[in-house]
């Protein structure tokens, strides 16, 4: 089965049209200094690290990224203490969430527990065989944390 694109005069397989219209999910591990980002493929099967950006530049980066890629859901880490109460960084993340809602009103926000992502990311970097110097790269740790947050979400849904 094909769809005929009248603009270009090209027949496109229906499954390709479906893929073109699929949207991604982005995971955001927002921090005071850096923000780790991860994203799914259009079919929402695979979580991949996208990048780590300076937190004061994250909205510039996201605006550019969203202009190129269709994103429907943003997972934003919710920092909780072990007993489930808000952590000391909750206030800055809440401000980020409010600004995100204002700047990107069409993107649905889902908050996700990020309590163990940094420890899991650190363990992942050790298990991957990276040298100690590379494992100390906090930007890489933030990106891997966002990827773990996103993969955990995909595994649950």
C-alpha atoms as a PDB file:
ATOM      1  CA  UNK A   1       0.000   0.000   0.000  1.00  0.00           C
ATOM      2  CA  UNK A   2       1.360   3.436  -0.884  1.00  0.00           C
ATOM      3  CA  UNK A   3       0.536   7.051  -0.282  1.00  0.00           C
ATOM      4  CA  UNK A   4       0.931   9.432  -3.229  1.00  0.00           C
ATOM      5  CA  UNK A   5       2.603  12.707  -2.305  1.00  0.00           C
ATOM      6  CA  UNK A   6       0.963  15.232  -4.646  1.00  0.00           C
ATOM      7  CA  UNK A   7       3.590  17.851  -3.904  1.00  0.00           C
ATOM      8  CA  UNK A   8       6.531  15.726  -5.058  1.00  0.00           C
ATOM      9  CA  UNK A   9       4.703  13.226  -7.258  1.00  0.00           C
ATOM     10  CA  UNK A  10       6.320  10.359  -5.367  1.00  0.00           C
ATOM     11  CA  UNK A  11       4.664   7.204  -4.052  1.00  0.00           C
ATOM     12  CA  UNK A  12       5.639   6.570  -0.438  1.00  0.00           C
ATOM     13  CA  UNK A  13       4.985   3.250   1.334  1.00  0.00           C
ATOM     14  CA  UNK A  14       2.397   3.642   4.095  1.00  0.00           C
ATOM     15  CA  UNK A  15       4.787   2.318   6.762  1.00  0.00           C
ATOM     16  CA  UNK A  16       7.223   5.109   5.833  1.00  0.00           C
ATOM     17  CA  UNK A  17       4.467   7.701   6.272  1.00  0.00           C
ATOM     18  CA  UNK A  18       3.771   6.185   9.691  1.00  0.00           C
ATOM     19  CA  UNK A  19       7.460   6.449  10.624  1.00  0.00           C
ATOM     20  CA  UNK A  20       7.653  10.049   9.452  1.00  0.00           C
ATOM     21  CA  UNK A  21       4.735  10.964  11.713  1.00  0.00           C
ATOM     22  CA  UNK A  22       6.085   9.192  14.817  1.00  0.00           C
ATOM     23  CA  UNK A  23       7.272  11.373  17.619  1.00  0.00           C
ATOM     24  CA  UNK A  24      10.118  10.901  20.041  1.00  0.00           C
ATOM     25  CA  UNK A  25      10.347  10.986  23.811  1.00  0.00           C
ATOM     26  CA  UNK A  26      13.101  13.053  25.372  1.00  0.00           C
ATOM     27  CA  UNK A  27      14.494  12.545  28.882  1.00  0.00           C
ATOM     28  CA  UNK A  28      15.906  15.535  30.705  1.00  0.00           C
ATOM     29  CA  UNK A  29      18.192  15.164  33.716  1.00  0.00           C
ATOM     30  CA  UNK A  30      18.280  18.827  34.720  1.00  0.00           C
ATOM     31  CA  UNK A  31      20.961  19.998  37.114  1.00  0.00           C
ATOM     32  CA  UNK A  32      22.312  23.260  38.453  1.00  0.00           C
ATOM     33  CA  UNK A  33      25.323  23.213  36.079  1.00  0.00           C
ATOM     34  CA  UNK A  34      24.618  20.607  33.405  1.00  0.00           C
ATOM     35  CA  UNK A  35      21.622  18.917  31.821  1.00  0.00           C
ATOM     36  CA  UNK A  36      21.847  15.400  30.452  1.00  0.00           C
ATOM     37  CA  UNK A  37      19.580  14.590  27.529  1.00  0.00           C
ATOM     38  CA  UNK A  38      18.499  11.310  25.987  1.00  0.00           C
ATOM     39  CA  UNK A  39      15.988  10.571  23.250  1.00  0.00           C
ATOM     40  CA  UNK A  40      14.143   7.646  21.713  1.00  0.00           C
ATOM     41  CA  UNK A  41      14.124   6.630  18.103  1.00  0.00           C
ATOM     42  CA  UNK A  42      10.882   7.525  16.266  1.00  0.00           C
ATOM     43  CA  UNK A  43       9.423   4.072  17.029  1.00  0.00           C
ATOM     44  CA  UNK A  44      10.132   4.599  20.747  1.00  0.00           C
ATOM     45  CA  UNK A  45      12.062   1.354  21.051  1.00  0.00           C
ATOM     46  CA  UNK A  46      15.619   2.478  21.789  1.00  0.00           C
ATOM     47  CA  UNK A  47      16.852   5.101  24.249  1.00  0.00           C
ATOM     48  CA  UNK A  48      20.075   6.836  23.232  1.00  0.00           C
ATOM     49  CA  UNK A  49      22.122   9.533  24.854  1.00  0.00           C
ATOM     50  CA  UNK A  50      21.673  12.779  22.995  1.00  0.00           C
ATOM     51  CA  UNK A  51      24.002  15.265  24.643  1.00  0.00           C
ATOM     52  CA  UNK A  52      24.839  17.116  27.824  1.00  0.00           C
ATOM     53  CA  UNK A  53      24.473  20.884  27.683  1.00  0.00           C
ATOM     54  CA  UNK A  54      25.164  23.649  30.149  1.00  0.00           C
ATOM     55  CA  UNK A  55      21.928  24.248  32.063  1.00  0.00           C
ATOM     56  CA  UNK A  56      21.888  27.955  31.255  1.00  0.00           C
ATOM     57  CA  UNK A  57      21.862  27.029  27.541  1.00  0.00           C
ATOM     58  CA  UNK A  58      19.371  24.155  27.663  1.00  0.00           C
ATOM     59  CA  UNK A  59      16.377  26.116  26.336  1.00  0.00           C
ATOM     60  CA  UNK A  60      18.355  27.329  23.322  1.00  0.00           C
ATOM     61  CA  UNK A  61      19.384  23.734  22.611  1.00  0.00           C
ATOM     62  CA  UNK A  62      15.859  22.353  23.107  1.00  0.00           C
ATOM     63  CA  UNK A  63      14.280  25.029  20.901  1.00  0.00           C
ATOM     64  CA  UNK A  64      16.633  24.115  18.077  1.00  0.00           C
ATOM     65  CA  UNK A  65      16.186  20.374  18.622  1.00  0.00           C
ATOM     66  CA  UNK A  66      12.375  20.599  18.726  1.00  0.00           C
ATOM     67  CA  UNK A  67      12.401  22.589  15.483  1.00  0.00           C
ATOM     68  CA  UNK A  68      14.073  19.593  13.781  1.00  0.00           C
ATOM     69  CA  UNK A  69      12.560  16.623  15.604  1.00  0.00           C
ATOM     70  CA  UNK A  70       8.992  15.844  16.587  1.00  0.00           C
ATOM     71  CA  UNK A  71       8.855  15.266  20.350  1.00  0.00           C
ATOM     72  CA  UNK A  72       5.598  14.437  22.110  1.00  0.00           C
ATOM     73  CA  UNK A  73       6.708  13.667  25.674  1.00  0.00           C
ATOM     74  CA  UNK A  74       9.429  15.079  27.907  1.00  0.00           C
ATOM     75  CA  UNK A  75      10.471  13.011  30.900  1.00  0.00           C
ATOM     76  CA  UNK A  76      11.907  15.255  33.560  1.00  0.00           C
ATOM     77  CA  UNK A  77      13.707  13.783  36.516  1.00  0.00           C
ATOM     78  CA  UNK A  78      12.191  14.305  39.923  1.00  0.00           C
ATOM     79  CA  UNK A  79      14.867  14.381  42.604  1.00  0.00           C
ATOM     80  CA  UNK A  80      13.630  12.613  45.690  1.00  0.00           C
ATOM     81  CA  UNK A  81      15.388  11.564  48.834  1.00  0.00           C
ATOM     82  CA  UNK A  82      15.374   7.928  49.903  1.00  0.00           C
ATOM     83  CA  UNK A  83      12.252   8.483  52.031  1.00  0.00           C
ATOM     84  CA  UNK A  84      10.381   9.973  49.042  1.00  0.00           C
ATOM     85  CA  UNK A  85      10.528  13.584  50.196  1.00  0.00           C
ATOM     86  CA  UNK A  86      11.764  16.329  47.845  1.00  0.00           C
ATOM     87  CA  UNK A  87      15.519  16.866  47.734  1.00  0.00           C
ATOM     88  CA  UNK A  88      17.391  20.164  47.980  1.00  0.00           C
ATOM     89  CA  UNK A  89      17.477  20.524  44.175  1.00  0.00           C
ATOM     90  CA  UNK A  90      13.690  20.282  43.811  1.00  0.00           C
ATOM     91  CA  UNK A  91      13.237  24.061  43.757  1.00  0.00           C
ATOM     92  CA  UNK A  92      15.512  24.675  40.751  1.00  0.00           C
ATOM     93  CA  UNK A  93      13.960  21.775  38.856  1.00  0.00           C
ATOM     94  CA  UNK A  94      10.432  23.059  39.537  1.00  0.00           C
ATOM     95  CA  UNK A  95      11.450  26.430  38.054  1.00  0.00           C
ATOM     96  CA  UNK A  96      12.824  24.590  35.008  1.00  0.00           C
ATOM     97  CA  UNK A  97       9.557  22.639  34.632  1.00  0.00           C
ATOM     98  CA  UNK A  98       7.462  25.817  34.788  1.00  0.00           C
ATOM     99  CA  UNK A  99       9.584  27.504  32.131  1.00  0.00           C
ATOM    100  CA  UNK A 100       9.482  24.344  29.980  1.00  0.00           C
ATOM    101  CA  UNK A 101       5.659  24.352  30.127  1.00  0.00           C
ATOM    102  CA  UNK A 102       5.632  27.985  29.023  1.00  0.00           C
ATOM    103  CA  UNK A 103       8.145  27.616  26.198  1.00  0.00           C
ATOM    104  CA  UNK A 104       6.933  24.230  24.902  1.00  0.00           C
ATOM    105  CA  UNK A 105       3.208  24.029  25.729  1.00  0.00           C
ATOM    106  CA  UNK A 106       2.542  21.265  23.175  1.00  0.00           C
ATOM    107  CA  UNK A 107       4.972  18.810  24.758  1.00  0.00           C
ATOM    108  CA  UNK A 108       3.530  16.625  27.504  1.00  0.00           C
ATOM    109  CA  UNK A 109       5.655  16.463  30.660  1.00  0.00           C
ATOM    110  CA  UNK A 110       5.975  13.329  32.749  1.00  0.00           C
ATOM    111  CA  UNK A 111       7.965  13.420  35.964  1.00  0.00           C
ATOM    112  CA  UNK A 112      10.074  10.356  36.748  1.00  0.00           C
ATOM    113  CA  UNK A 113      11.927   9.259  39.858  1.00  0.00           C
ATOM    114  CA  UNK A 114      15.648   9.792  39.330  1.00  0.00           C
ATOM    115  CA  UNK A 115      16.906   8.596  42.712  1.00  0.00           C
ATOM    116  CA  UNK A 116      19.255   5.871  41.511  1.00  0.00           C
ATOM    117  CA  UNK A 117      20.106   7.006  37.976  1.00  0.00           C
ATOM    118  CA  UNK A 118      23.479   8.577  38.837  1.00  0.00           C
ATOM    119  CA  UNK A 119      24.650   5.465  40.693  1.00  0.00           C
ATOM    120  CA  UNK A 120      23.411   3.244  37.860  1.00  0.00           C
ATOM    121  CA  UNK A 121      25.114   5.482  35.297  1.00  0.00           C
ATOM    122  CA  UNK A 122      28.382   5.328  37.206  1.00  0.00           C
ATOM    123  CA  UNK A 123      28.144   1.520  37.380  1.00  0.00           C
ATOM    124  CA  UNK A 124      27.356   1.381  33.646  1.00  0.00           C
ATOM    125  CA  UNK A 125      30.471   3.416  32.829  1.00  0.00           C
ATOM    126  CA  UNK A 126      32.623   1.137  35.006  1.00  0.00           C
ATOM    127  CA  UNK A 127      31.114  -2.004  33.462  1.00  0.00           C
ATOM    128  CA  UNK A 128      31.657  -0.642  29.951  1.00  0.00           C
ATOM    129  CA  UNK A 129      35.408  -0.674  30.521  1.00  0.00           C
ATOM    130  CA  UNK A 130      36.001   3.061  30.230  1.00  0.00           C
ATOM    131  CA  UNK A 131      39.234   4.364  31.681  1.00  0.00           C
ATOM    132  CA  UNK A 132      38.954   6.139  35.040  1.00  0.00           C
ATOM    133  CA  UNK A 133      39.595   9.582  33.530  1.00  0.00           C
ATOM    134  CA  UNK A 134      36.678   9.178  31.067  1.00  0.00           C
ATOM    135  CA  UNK A 135      34.416   7.812  33.828  1.00  0.00           C
ATOM    136  CA  UNK A 136      35.027  11.039  35.790  1.00  0.00           C
ATOM    137  CA  UNK A 137      33.513  13.088  32.951  1.00  0.00           C
ATOM    138  CA  UNK A 138      30.408  14.475  34.673  1.00  0.00           C
ATOM    139  CA  UNK A 139      28.825  15.477  31.355  1.00  0.00           C
ATOM    140  CA  UNK A 140      28.973  11.856  30.198  1.00  0.00           C
ATOM    141  CA  UNK A 141      27.529  10.716  33.539  1.00  0.00           C
ATOM    142  CA  UNK A 142      24.582  13.146  33.128  1.00  0.00           C
ATOM    143  CA  UNK A 143      23.876  11.914  29.600  1.00  0.00           C
ATOM    144  CA  UNK A 144      23.996   8.269  30.679  1.00  0.00           C
ATOM    145  CA  UNK A 145      21.712   9.081  33.639  1.00  0.00           C
ATOM    146  CA  UNK A 146      19.134  10.574  31.259  1.00  0.00           C
ATOM    147  CA  UNK A 147      19.449   7.503  29.028  1.00  0.00           C
ATOM    148  CA  UNK A 148      18.826   5.158  31.965  1.00  0.00           C
ATOM    149  CA  UNK A 149      15.817   7.233  33.029  1.00  0.00           C
ATOM    150  CA  UNK A 150      14.404   6.984  29.506  1.00  0.00           C
ATOM    151  CA  UNK A 151      15.120   3.277  29.052  1.00  0.00           C
ATOM    152  CA  UNK A 152      13.463   2.529  32.394  1.00  0.00           C
ATOM    153  CA  UNK A 153      10.381   4.442  31.230  1.00  0.00           C
ATOM    154  CA  UNK A 154      10.312   2.517  27.937  1.00  0.00           C
ATOM    155  CA  UNK A 155      10.638  -0.798  29.787  1.00  0.00           C
ATOM    156  CA  UNK A 156       7.562   0.039  31.895  1.00  0.00           C
ATOM    157  CA  UNK A 157       5.332   1.074  28.983  1.00  0.00           C
END
